[in-house]
Amino acid sequence: MQESARPNDAPDINARIAARVRGLRGNLGMSLEDLSARCGVSRSMISLIERGETSPTAVVLEKLAAGLGVPLAALFDDPALPPSPVSRRDDRVTWRDPETGYLRRNISPASFPSSIHLVEVTLPPGARVAYESASLQDVDQQVWVQDGRVEVTVGETTHHLAADDCVAMTLAEPITYSNRTRKSARYIVAIAKGGLRK
């Protein structure tokens, strides 16, 4: 199994997330109070995140992304990079969730205008990540397991996935990712804005 790149220093990735959240909120003309009311994250927590003074969890970031109307992957893009159709391995940043230890790495070219995002995730043994705000977005998603086993629960339905299995879903219900094994699971997530369904 090929290991993901080691996570970059927390201050660097926190600064990138801070700039993205602050910039996206500003582009929408939303106040801290507006975003807080829309996503269910406290105003003080959003302020800390926008100043890069805290390392938010995956669940908090997912709520912010839903409130801002963007895929979670968009919060990890570097707004300072010029758009490019090419993504290089050495330029990618790996982020570690401080709560579960799961690793997330954007594969798609940063800042390039596209309706599709590819993300690599490594879920540690015993880890569980539950996203409750998915219904706020019109997003299609597919999960393709590369190594290990992972359970993906969409609403009340659980899919047990092994290496090379793939599941497709619409983010209209809460989604939980679980690794009940003693080995890490690695999978690729393809995310696309909705509206392509017939």
Foldseek 3Di string as FASTA:
>chain_A
DDDADDADPLLVQLQLLLCQLVVLCVVVVHDLVQLCVQQVDDSVVNVCSNVSNDQAAPQVLCSSCLSSQHHSVLSRARPVDDFDQDDDSVPWHWDAGPPQRKIKIWRGTGPHDDQKTKMKIKGAAFGKDKHASLLSAFKKKKKAWQAAWKWKDFANDIDTDHHGDMDIDTSNGMIMIGHNDNGITMIMMMMGHDPPDD
